PDB file of N, CA and C in Angstrom:
ATOM      1  N   MET A   1     187.543  86.666   0.774  1.00  0.00           N
ATOM      2  CA  MET A   1     187.344  87.535   1.906  1.00  0.00           C
ATOM      3  C   MET A   1     188.444  88.593   1.997  1.00  0.00           C
ATOM      4  N   ALA A   2     189.595  88.276   1.455  1.00  0.00           N
ATOM      5  CA  ALA A   2     190.684  89.254   1.466  1.00  0.00           C
ATOM      6  C   ALA A   2     190.321  90.472   0.622  1.00  0.00           C
ATOM      7  N   ILE A   3     189.628  90.245  -0.496  1.00  0.00           N
ATOM      8  CA  ILE A   3     189.189  91.372  -1.338  1.00  0.00           C
ATOM      9  C   ILE A   3     188.232  92.253  -0.562  1.00  0.00           C
ATOM     10  N   PHE A   4     187.280  91.637   0.158  1.00  0.00           N
ATOM     11  CA  PHE A   4     186.338  92.394   0.978  1.00  0.00           C
ATOM     12  C   PHE A   4     187.074  93.199   2.040  1.00  0.00           C
ATOM     13  N   PHE A   5     188.012  92.570   2.719  1.00  0.00           N
ATOM     14  CA  PHE A   5     188.775  93.219   3.771  1.00  0.00           C
ATOM     15  C   PHE A   5     189.514  94.447   3.241  1.00  0.00           C
ATOM     16  N   VAL A   6     190.220  94.275   2.143  1.00  0.00           N
ATOM     17  CA  VAL A   6     190.987  95.376   1.553  1.00  0.00           C
ATOM     18  C   VAL A   6     190.061  96.492   1.072  1.00  0.00           C
ATOM     19  N   THR A   7     188.947  96.114   0.463  1.00  0.00           N
ATOM     20  CA  THR A   7     188.011  97.105  -0.058  1.00  0.00           C
ATOM     21  C   THR A   7     187.424  97.944   1.065  1.00  0.00           C
ATOM     22  N   TYR A   8     186.932  97.306   2.105  1.00  0.00           N
ATOM     23  CA  TYR A   8     186.326  98.063   3.205  1.00  0.00           C
ATOM     24  C   TYR A   8     187.358  98.887   3.965  1.00  0.00           C
ATOM     25  N   LEU A   9     188.537  98.369   4.124  1.00  0.00           N
ATOM     26  CA  LEU A   9     189.594  99.155   4.753  1.00  0.00           C
ATOM     27  C   LEU A   9     189.908 100.382   3.899  1.00  0.00           C
ATOM     28  N   GLY A  10     189.964 100.201   2.585  1.00  0.00           N
ATOM     29  CA  GLY A  10     190.207 101.319   1.683  1.00  0.00           C
ATOM     30  C   GLY A  10     189.120 102.375   1.759  1.00  0.00           C
ATOM     31  N   PHE A  11     187.851 101.943   1.806  1.00  0.00           N
ATOM     32  CA  PHE A  11     186.742 102.898   1.947  1.00  0.00           C
ATOM     33  C   PHE A  11     186.856 103.672   3.255  1.00  0.00           C
ATOM     34  N   ALA A  12     187.336 103.023   4.292  1.00  0.00           N
ATOM     35  CA  ALA A  12     187.420 103.665   5.597  1.00  0.00           C
ATOM     36  C   ALA A  12     188.524 104.718   5.667  1.00  0.00           C
ATOM     37  N   VAL A  13     189.601 104.537   4.930  1.00  0.00           N
ATOM     38  CA  VAL A  13     190.755 105.422   5.112  1.00  0.00           C
ATOM     39  C   VAL A  13     190.967 106.441   3.999  1.00  0.00           C
ATOM     40  N   THR A  14     190.251 106.356   2.892  1.00  0.00           N
ATOM     41  CA  THR A  14     190.530 107.279   1.789  1.00  0.00           C
ATOM     42  C   THR A  14     189.383 108.247   1.536  1.00  0.00           C
ATOM     43  N   ARG A  15     189.736 109.352   0.949  1.00  0.00           N
ATOM     44  CA  ARG A  15     188.754 110.318   0.468  1.00  0.00           C
ATOM     45  C   ARG A  15     189.069 110.727  -0.976  1.00  0.00           C
ATOM     46  N   HIS A  16     190.035 110.056  -1.579  1.00  0.00           N
ATOM     47  CA  HIS A  16     190.450 110.357  -2.949  1.00  0.00           C
ATOM     48  C   HIS A  16     189.445 109.739  -3.923  1.00  0.00           C
ATOM     49  N   VAL A  17     188.851 110.553  -4.772  1.00  0.00           N
ATOM     50  CA  VAL A  17     187.742 110.123  -5.632  1.00  0.00           C
ATOM     51  C   VAL A  17     188.150 108.994  -6.580  1.00  0.00           C
ATOM     52  N   ALA A  18     189.307 109.083  -7.192  1.00  0.00           N
ATOM     53  CA  ALA A  18     189.730 108.037  -8.121  1.00  0.00           C
ATOM     54  C   ALA A  18     189.939 106.703  -7.395  1.00  0.00           C
ATOM     55  N   PHE A  19     190.495 106.767  -6.196  1.00  0.00           N
ATOM     56  CA  PHE A  19     190.712 105.547  -5.422  1.00  0.00           C
ATOM     57  C   PHE A  19     189.380 104.939  -4.990  1.00  0.00           C
ATOM     58  N   ILE A  20     188.420 105.776  -4.631  1.00  0.00           N
ATOM     59  CA  ILE A  20     187.089 105.288  -4.265  1.00  0.00           C
ATOM     60  C   ILE A  20     186.435 104.602  -5.463  1.00  0.00           C
ATOM     61  N   GLY A  21     186.600 105.164  -6.656  1.00  0.00           N
ATOM     62  CA  GLY A  21     186.074 104.517  -7.861  1.00  0.00           C
ATOM     63  C   GLY A  21     186.691 103.150  -8.093  1.00  0.00           C
ATOM     64  N   ALA A  22     187.989 103.044  -7.891  1.00  0.00           N
ATOM     65  CA  ALA A  22     188.666 101.748  -8.038  1.00  0.00           C
ATOM     66  C   ALA A  22     188.180 100.761  -6.979  1.00  0.00           C
ATOM     67  N   LEU A  23     187.928 101.260  -5.770  1.00  0.00           N
ATOM     68  CA  LEU A  23     187.420 100.392  -4.711  1.00  0.00           C
ATOM     69  C   LEU A  23     186.020  99.867  -5.043  1.00  0.00           C
ATOM     70  N   PHE A  24     185.176 100.708  -5.656  1.00  0.00           N
ATOM     71  CA  PHE A  24     183.854 100.245  -6.068  1.00  0.00           C
ATOM     72  C   PHE A  24     183.965  99.137  -7.112  1.00  0.00           C
ATOM     73  N   ALA A  25     184.896  99.274  -8.028  1.00  0.00           N
ATOM     74  CA  ALA A  25     185.104  98.212  -9.021  1.00  0.00           C
ATOM     75  C   ALA A  25     185.581  96.931  -8.343  1.00  0.00           C
ATOM     76  N   LEU A  26     186.484  97.060  -7.398  1.00  0.00           N
ATOM     77  CA  LEU A  26     186.972  95.902  -6.661  1.00  0.00           C
ATOM     78  C   LEU A  26     185.852  95.260  -5.841  1.00  0.00           C
ATOM     79  N   TYR A  27     184.996  96.085  -5.240  1.00  0.00           N
ATOM     80  CA  TYR A  27     183.869  95.570  -4.476  1.00  0.00           C
ATOM     81  C   TYR A  27     182.883  94.835  -5.393  1.00  0.00           C
ATOM     82  N   GLY A  28     182.666  95.344  -6.590  1.00  0.00           N
ATOM     83  CA  GLY A  28     181.816  94.647  -7.556  1.00  0.00           C
ATOM     84  C   GLY A  28     182.397  93.292  -7.926  1.00  0.00           C
ATOM     85  N   PHE A  29     183.684  93.227  -8.060  1.00  0.00           N
ATOM     86  CA  PHE A  29     184.372  91.961  -8.331  1.00  0.00           C
ATOM     87  C   PHE A  29     184.139  90.988  -7.177  1.00  0.00           C
ATOM     88  N   TYR A  30     184.282  91.482  -5.954  1.00  0.00           N
ATOM     89  CA  TYR A  30     184.040  90.651  -4.769  1.00  0.00           C
ATOM     90  C   TYR A  30     182.604  90.125  -4.769  1.00  0.00           C
ATOM     91  N   GLN A  31     181.629  90.997  -5.011  1.00  0.00           N
ATOM     92  CA  GLN A  31     180.225  90.573  -4.994  1.00  0.00           C
ATOM     93  C   GLN A  31     179.952  89.526  -6.070  1.00  0.00           C
ATOM     94  N   GLY A  32     180.549  89.688  -7.224  1.00  0.00           N
ATOM     95  CA  GLY A  32     180.368  88.712  -8.294  1.00  0.00           C
ATOM     96  C   GLY A  32     180.880  87.332  -7.910  1.00  0.00           C
ATOM     97  N   ILE A  33     181.966  87.301  -7.185  1.00  0.00           N
ATOM     98  CA  ILE A  33     182.528  86.023  -6.736  1.00  0.00           C
ATOM     99  C   ILE A  33     181.725  85.467  -5.566  1.00  0.00           C
ATOM    100  N   PHE A  34     181.493  86.291  -4.572  1.00  0.00           N
ATOM    101  CA  PHE A  34     180.903  85.843  -3.319  1.00  0.00           C
ATOM    102  C   PHE A  34     179.471  85.339  -3.478  1.00  0.00           C
ATOM    103  N   ARG A  35     178.652  86.063  -4.189  1.00  0.00           N
ATOM    104  CA  ARG A  35     177.248  85.660  -4.325  1.00  0.00           C
ATOM    105  C   ARG A  35     177.110  84.337  -5.065  1.00  0.00           C
ATOM    106  N   SER A  36     177.859  84.148  -6.112  1.00  0.00           N
ATOM    107  CA  SER A  36     177.732  82.896  -6.859  1.00  0.00           C
ATOM    108  C   SER A  36     178.256  81.713  -6.049  1.00  0.00           C
ATOM    109  N   VAL A  37     179.340  81.892  -5.330  1.00  0.00           N
ATOM    110  CA  VAL A  37     179.890  80.813  -4.515  1.00  0.00           C
ATOM    111  C   VAL A  37     178.948  80.485  -3.355  1.00  0.00           C
ATOM    112  N   GLY A  38     178.360  81.499  -2.744  1.00  0.00           N
ATOM    113  CA  GLY A  38     177.421  81.273  -1.650  1.00  0.00           C
ATOM    114  C   GLY A  38     176.202  80.482  -2.090  1.00  0.00           C
ATOM    115  N   LYS A  39     175.674  80.815  -3.245  1.00  0.00           N
ATOM    116  CA  LYS A  39     174.523  80.070  -3.751  1.00  0.00           C
ATOM    117  C   LYS A  39     174.906  78.642  -4.114  1.00  0.00           C
ATOM    118  N   ALA A  40     176.073  78.456  -4.678  1.00  0.00           N
ATOM    119  CA  ALA A  40     176.527  77.106  -5.017  1.00  0.00           C
ATOM    120  C   ALA A  40     176.723  76.278  -3.749  1.00  0.00           C
ATOM    121  N   LEU A  41     177.285  76.880  -2.711  1.00  0.00           N
ATOM    122  CA  LEU A  41     177.476  76.179  -1.452  1.00  0.00           C
ATOM    123  C   LEU A  41     176.139  75.795  -0.830  1.00  0.00           C
ATOM    124  N   ALA A  42     175.188  76.723  -0.827  1.00  0.00           N
ATOM    125  CA  ALA A  42     173.860  76.421  -0.292  1.00  0.00           C
ATOM    126  C   ALA A  42     173.210  75.298  -1.088  1.00  0.00           C
ATOM    127  N   SER A  43     173.391  75.291  -2.376  1.00  0.00           N
ATOM    128  CA  SER A  43     172.809  74.247  -3.215  1.00  0.00           C
ATOM    129  C   SER A  43     173.383  72.876  -2.897  1.00  0.00           C
ATOM    130  N   ASP A  44     174.632  72.837  -2.477  1.00  0.00           N
ATOM    131  CA  ASP A  44     175.261  71.560  -2.138  1.00  0.00           C
ATOM    132  C   ASP A  44     174.744  70.973  -0.829  1.00  0.00           C
ATOM    133  N   TYR A  45     174.335  71.817   0.120  1.00  0.00           N
ATOM    134  CA  TYR A  45     173.986  71.341   1.450  1.00  0.00           C
ATOM    135  C   TYR A  45     172.497  71.330   1.770  1.00  0.00           C
ATOM    136  N   VAL A  46     171.686  71.961   0.960  1.00  0.00           N
ATOM    137  CA  VAL A  46     170.254  72.031   1.227  1.00  0.00           C
ATOM    138  C   VAL A  46     169.550  70.920   0.456  1.00  0.00           C
ATOM    139  N   PRO A  47     168.608  70.240   1.106  1.00  0.00           N
ATOM    140  CA  PRO A  47     167.848  69.217   0.391  1.00  0.00           C
ATOM    141  C   PRO A  47     167.132  69.810  -0.829  1.00  0.00           C
ATOM    142  N   THR A  48     167.019  69.029  -1.863  1.00  0.00           N
ATOM    143  CA  THR A  48     166.454  69.503  -3.129  1.00  0.00           C
ATOM    144  C   THR A  48     165.055  70.086  -2.954  1.00  0.00           C
ATOM    145  N   ARG A  49     164.235  69.493  -2.088  1.00  0.00           N
ATOM    146  CA  ARG A  49     162.864  69.983  -1.892  1.00  0.00           C
ATOM    147  C   ARG A  49     162.809  71.405  -1.371  1.00  0.00           C
ATOM    148  N   SER A  50     163.737  71.780  -0.491  1.00  0.00           N
ATOM    149  CA  SER A  50     163.678  73.108   0.126  1.00  0.00           C
ATOM    150  C   SER A  50     164.658  74.108  -0.476  1.00  0.00           C
ATOM    151  N   MET A  51     165.315  73.750  -1.560  1.00  0.00           N
ATOM    152  CA  MET A  51     166.331  74.619  -2.142  1.00  0.00           C
ATOM    153  C   MET A  51     165.802  75.986  -2.590  1.00  0.00           C
ATOM    154  N   PRO A  52     164.686  76.078  -3.307  1.00  0.00           N
ATOM    155  CA  PRO A  52     164.229  77.417  -3.718  1.00  0.00           C
ATOM    156  C   PRO A  52     163.962  78.339  -2.529  1.00  0.00           C
ATOM    157  N   ALA A  53     163.363  77.806  -1.484  1.00  0.00           N
ATOM    158  CA  ALA A  53     163.083  78.636  -0.308  1.00  0.00           C
ATOM    159  C   ALA A  53     164.383  79.066   0.372  1.00  0.00           C
ATOM    160  N   ARG A  54     165.335  78.169   0.494  1.00  0.00           N
ATOM    161  CA  ARG A  54     166.601  78.506   1.159  1.00  0.00           C
ATOM    162  C   ARG A  54     167.380  79.550   0.377  1.00  0.00           C
ATOM    163  N   LEU A  55     167.414  79.413  -0.919  1.00  0.00           N
ATOM    164  CA  LEU A  55     168.126  80.397  -1.731  1.00  0.00           C
ATOM    165  C   LEU A  55     167.449  81.757  -1.653  1.00  0.00           C
ATOM    166  N   ALA A  56     166.133  81.777  -1.577  1.00  0.00           N
ATOM    167  CA  ALA A  56     165.417  83.051  -1.442  1.00  0.00           C
ATOM    168  C   ALA A  56     165.735  83.707  -0.106  1.00  0.00           C
ATOM    169  N   VAL A  57     165.760  82.932   0.969  1.00  0.00           N
ATOM    170  CA  VAL A  57     166.078  83.474   2.292  1.00  0.00           C
ATOM    171  C   VAL A  57     167.509  83.985   2.314  1.00  0.00           C
ATOM    172  N   GLN A  58     168.413  83.230   1.721  1.00  0.00           N
ATOM    173  CA  GLN A  58     169.818  83.634   1.698  1.00  0.00           C
ATOM    174  C   GLN A  58     169.998  84.953   0.963  1.00  0.00           C
ATOM    175  N   HIS A  59     169.248  85.167  -0.082  1.00  0.00           N
ATOM    176  CA  HIS A  59     169.445  86.343  -0.918  1.00  0.00           C
ATOM    177  C   HIS A  59     168.624  87.549  -0.472  1.00  0.00           C
ATOM    178  N   ASP A  60     167.435  87.317   0.042  1.00  0.00           N
ATOM    179  CA  ASP A  60     166.510  88.439   0.245  1.00  0.00           C
ATOM    180  C   ASP A  60     165.916  88.525   1.635  1.00  0.00           C
ATOM    181  N   ASP A  61     166.703  88.424   2.679  1.00  0.00           N
ATOM    182  CA  ASP A  61     166.157  88.625   4.014  1.00  0.00           C
ATOM    183  C   ASP A  61     166.125  90.127   4.270  1.00  0.00           C
ATOM    184  N   TRP A  62     165.008  90.745   3.961  1.00  0.00           N
ATOM    185  CA  TRP A  62     164.878  92.198   4.018  1.00  0.00           C
ATOM    186  C   TRP A  62     165.012  92.739   5.434  1.00  0.00           C
ATOM    187  N   ARG A  63     164.671  91.949   6.442  1.00  0.00           N
ATOM    188  CA  ARG A  63     164.782  92.440   7.822  1.00  0.00           C
ATOM    189  C   ARG A  63     166.240  92.650   8.215  1.00  0.00           C
ATOM    190  N   VAL A  64     167.086  91.732   7.809  1.00  0.00           N
ATOM    191  CA  VAL A  64     168.512  91.868   8.108  1.00  0.00           C
ATOM    192  C   VAL A  64     169.089  93.060   7.361  1.00  0.00           C
ATOM    193  N   ARG A  65     168.706  93.212   6.122  1.00  0.00           N
ATOM    194  CA  ARG A  65     169.197  94.357   5.333  1.00  0.00           C
ATOM    195  C   ARG A  65     168.714  95.683   5.916  1.00  0.00           C
ATOM    196  N   LEU A  66     167.466  95.718   6.390  1.00  0.00           N
ATOM    197  CA  LEU A  66     166.930  96.934   6.992  1.00  0.00           C
ATOM    198  C   LEU A  66     167.703  97.296   8.254  1.00  0.00           C
ATOM    199  N   MET A  67     167.935  96.323   9.122  1.00  0.00           N
ATOM    200  CA  MET A  67     168.674  96.592  10.359  1.00  0.00           C
ATOM    201  C   MET A  67     170.109  97.030  10.065  1.00  0.00           C
ATOM    202  N   ALA A  68     170.737  96.389   9.096  1.00  0.00           N
ATOM    203  CA  ALA A  68     172.104  96.771   8.730  1.00  0.00           C
ATOM    204  C   ALA A  68     172.139  98.187   8.169  1.00  0.00           C
ATOM    205  N   SER A  69     171.147  98.548   7.380  1.00  0.00           N
ATOM    206  CA  SER A  69     171.093  99.897   6.809  1.00  0.00           C
ATOM    207  C   SER A  69     170.857 100.943   7.896  1.00  0.00           C
ATOM    208  N   LEU A  70     169.987 100.637   8.835  1.00  0.00           N
ATOM    209  CA  LEU A  70     169.740 101.577   9.932  1.00  0.00           C
ATOM    210  C   LEU A  70     170.990 101.765  10.785  1.00  0.00           C
ATOM    211  N   LEU A  71     171.675 100.666  11.085  1.00  0.00           N
ATOM    212  CA  LEU A  71     172.916 100.755  11.852  1.00  0.00           C
ATOM    213  C   LEU A  71     173.973 101.552  11.084  1.00  0.00           C
ATOM    214  N   ALA A  72     174.101 101.297   9.805  1.00  0.00           N
ATOM    215  CA  ALA A  72     175.087 102.021   8.994  1.00  0.00           C
ATOM    216  C   ALA A  72     174.783 103.514   8.968  1.00  0.00           C
ATOM    217  N   GLY A  73     173.520 103.865   8.823  1.00  0.00           N
ATOM    218  CA  GLY A  73     173.146 105.280   8.835  1.00  0.00           C
ATOM    219  C   GLY A  73     173.447 105.945  10.158  1.00  0.00           C
ATOM    220  N   TRP A  74     173.147 105.245  11.242  1.00  0.00           N
ATOM    221  CA  TRP A  74     173.425 105.804  12.571  1.00  0.00           C
ATOM    222  C   TRP A  74     174.928 105.991  12.777  1.00  0.00           C
ATOM    223  N   LEU A  75     175.704 104.975  12.411  1.00  0.00           N
ATOM    224  CA  LEU A  75     177.161 105.077  12.544  1.00  0.00           C
ATOM    225  C   LEU A  75     177.705 106.234  11.718  1.00  0.00           C
ATOM    226  N   TRP A  76     177.233 106.359  10.475  1.00  0.00           N
ATOM    227  CA  TRP A  76     177.717 107.426   9.592  1.00  0.00           C
ATOM    228  C   TRP A  76     177.428 108.795  10.196  1.00  0.00           C
ATOM    229  N   ASP A  77     176.214 108.980  10.713  1.00  0.00           N
ATOM    230  CA  ASP A  77     175.826 110.270  11.275  1.00  0.00           C
ATOM    231  C   ASP A  77     176.547 110.594  12.576  1.00  0.00           C
ATOM    232  N   HIS A  78     176.754 109.605  13.423  1.00  0.00           N
ATOM    233  CA  HIS A  78     177.280 109.863  14.754  1.00  0.00           C
ATOM    234  C   HIS A  78     178.776 109.604  14.918  1.00  0.00           C
ATOM    235  N   MET A  79     179.350 108.774  14.052  1.00  0.00           N
ATOM    236  CA  MET A  79     180.758 108.424  14.234  1.00  0.00           C
ATOM    237  C   MET A  79     181.608 108.642  12.984  1.00  0.00           C
ATOM    238  N   GLY A  80     180.987 109.014  11.883  1.00  0.00           N
ATOM    239  CA  GLY A  80     181.740 109.293  10.663  1.00  0.00           C
ATOM    240  C   GLY A  80     181.730 108.136   9.682  1.00  0.00           C
ATOM    241  N   HIS A  81     182.128 108.438   8.447  1.00  0.00           N
ATOM    242  CA  HIS A  81     182.057 107.442   7.373  1.00  0.00           C
ATOM    243  C   HIS A  81     182.963 106.238   7.619  1.00  0.00           C
ATOM    244  N   ALA A  82     184.105 106.461   8.225  1.00  0.00           N
ATOM    245  CA  ALA A  82     185.051 105.350   8.429  1.00  0.00           C
ATOM    246  C   ALA A  82     184.471 104.268   9.334  1.00  0.00           C
ATOM    247  N   SER A  83     183.661 104.659  10.298  1.00  0.00           N
ATOM    248  CA  SER A  83     183.108 103.675  11.245  1.00  0.00           C
ATOM    249  C   SER A  83     182.229 102.643  10.545  1.00  0.00           C
ATOM    250  N   VAL A  84     181.492 103.056   9.528  1.00  0.00           N
ATOM    251  CA  VAL A  84     180.618 102.128   8.804  1.00  0.00           C
ATOM    252  C   VAL A  84     181.444 101.012   8.167  1.00  0.00           C
ATOM    253  N   PHE A  85     182.519 101.376   7.528  1.00  0.00           N
ATOM    254  CA  PHE A  85     183.333 100.385   6.834  1.00  0.00           C
ATOM    255  C   PHE A  85     184.172  99.554   7.803  1.00  0.00           C
ATOM    256  N   LEU A  86     184.603 100.155   8.890  1.00  0.00           N
ATOM    257  CA  LEU A  86     185.359  99.387   9.877  1.00  0.00           C
ATOM    258  C   LEU A  86     184.473  98.358  10.571  1.00  0.00           C
ATOM    259  N   VAL A  87     183.255  98.738  10.929  1.00  0.00           N
ATOM    260  CA  VAL A  87     182.330  97.789  11.545  1.00  0.00           C
ATOM    261  C   VAL A  87     181.956  96.701  10.536  1.00  0.00           C
ATOM    262  N   GLY A  88     181.723  97.064   9.290  1.00  0.00           N
ATOM    263  CA  GLY A  88     181.417  96.074   8.263  1.00  0.00           C
ATOM    264  C   GLY A  88     182.559  95.100   8.045  1.00  0.00           C
ATOM    265  N   ARG A  89     183.754  95.597   8.097  1.00  0.00           N
ATOM    266  CA  ARG A  89     184.931  94.748   7.923  1.00  0.00           C
ATOM    267  C   ARG A  89     185.054  93.759   9.072  1.00  0.00           C
ATOM    268  N   VAL A  90     184.811  94.207  10.290  1.00  0.00           N
ATOM    269  CA  VAL A  90     184.891  93.331  11.462  1.00  0.00           C
ATOM    270  C   VAL A  90     183.753  92.321  11.457  1.00  0.00           C
ATOM    271  N   ALA A  91     182.549  92.757  11.098  1.00  0.00           N
ATOM    272  CA  ALA A  91     181.372  91.879  11.131  1.00  0.00           C
ATOM    273  C   ALA A  91     181.520  90.704  10.180  1.00  0.00           C
ATOM    274  N   VAL A  92     182.183  90.896   9.065  1.00  0.00           N
ATOM    275  CA  VAL A  92     182.323  89.815   8.095  1.00  0.00           C
ATOM    276  C   VAL A  92     183.261  88.731   8.613  1.00  0.00           C
ATOM    277  N   TRP A  93     184.177  89.074   9.482  1.00  0.00           N
ATOM    278  CA  TRP A  93     185.124  88.097  10.011  1.00  0.00           C
ATOM    279  C   TRP A  93     184.577  87.393  11.252  1.00  0.00           C
ATOM    280  N   ALA A  94     183.471  87.891  11.836  1.00  0.00           N
ATOM    281  CA  ALA A  94     182.895  87.267  13.027  1.00  0.00           C
ATOM    282  C   ALA A  94     182.200  85.958  12.639  1.00  0.00           C
ATOM    283  N   PRO A  95     182.182  84.986  13.530  1.00  0.00           N
ATOM    284  CA  PRO A  95     181.494  83.723  13.221  1.00  0.00           C
ATOM    285  C   PRO A  95     180.017  83.980  12.965  1.00  0.00           C
ATOM    286  N   SER A  96     179.490  83.325  11.981  1.00  0.00           N
ATOM    287  CA  SER A  96     178.103  83.512  11.617  1.00  0.00           C
ATOM    288  C   SER A  96     177.229  82.468  12.309  1.00  0.00           C
ATOM    289  N   HIS A  97     176.030  82.868  12.711  1.00  0.00           N
ATOM    290  CA  HIS A  97     175.107  81.924  13.326  1.00  0.00           C
ATOM    291  C   HIS A  97     174.217  81.274  12.269  1.00  0.00           C
ATOM    292  N   TYR A  98     174.356  81.692  11.035  1.00  0.00           N
ATOM    293  CA  TYR A  98     173.593  81.070   9.944  1.00  0.00           C
ATOM    294  C   TYR A  98     174.343  79.848   9.434  1.00  0.00           C
ATOM    295  N   SER A  99     173.617  78.868   9.007  1.00  0.00           N
ATOM    296  CA  SER A  99     174.242  77.712   8.399  1.00  0.00           C
ATOM    297  C   SER A  99     173.440  77.316   7.172  1.00  0.00           C
ATOM    298  N   CYS A 100     174.093  76.658   6.241  1.00  0.00           N
ATOM    299  CA  CYS A 100     173.424  76.267   5.015  1.00  0.00           C
ATOM    300  C   CYS A 100     172.669  74.994   5.185  1.00  0.00           C
TER     301      CYS A 100
END
């Protein structure tokens, strides 16, 4: 989570193209770690019968992605690029109502 925090904070405060490129690489590193660990954790706690469905929901809940994209677009247009990354950074640290 520290990688995510640093990456989103960096996106919020910089406009330097080379630094943004490095942040994208760091974010890719974070996604590679986070997605595999999340699926492994879900696999440990979900009953074997319902595992394929749970992993699909965890990975592809299009409604949540749509709402997040709409919110990000609105924030970008009305409050600037930094607001998108600052809100994303805060949202990741908030307690989640989802459980595995």
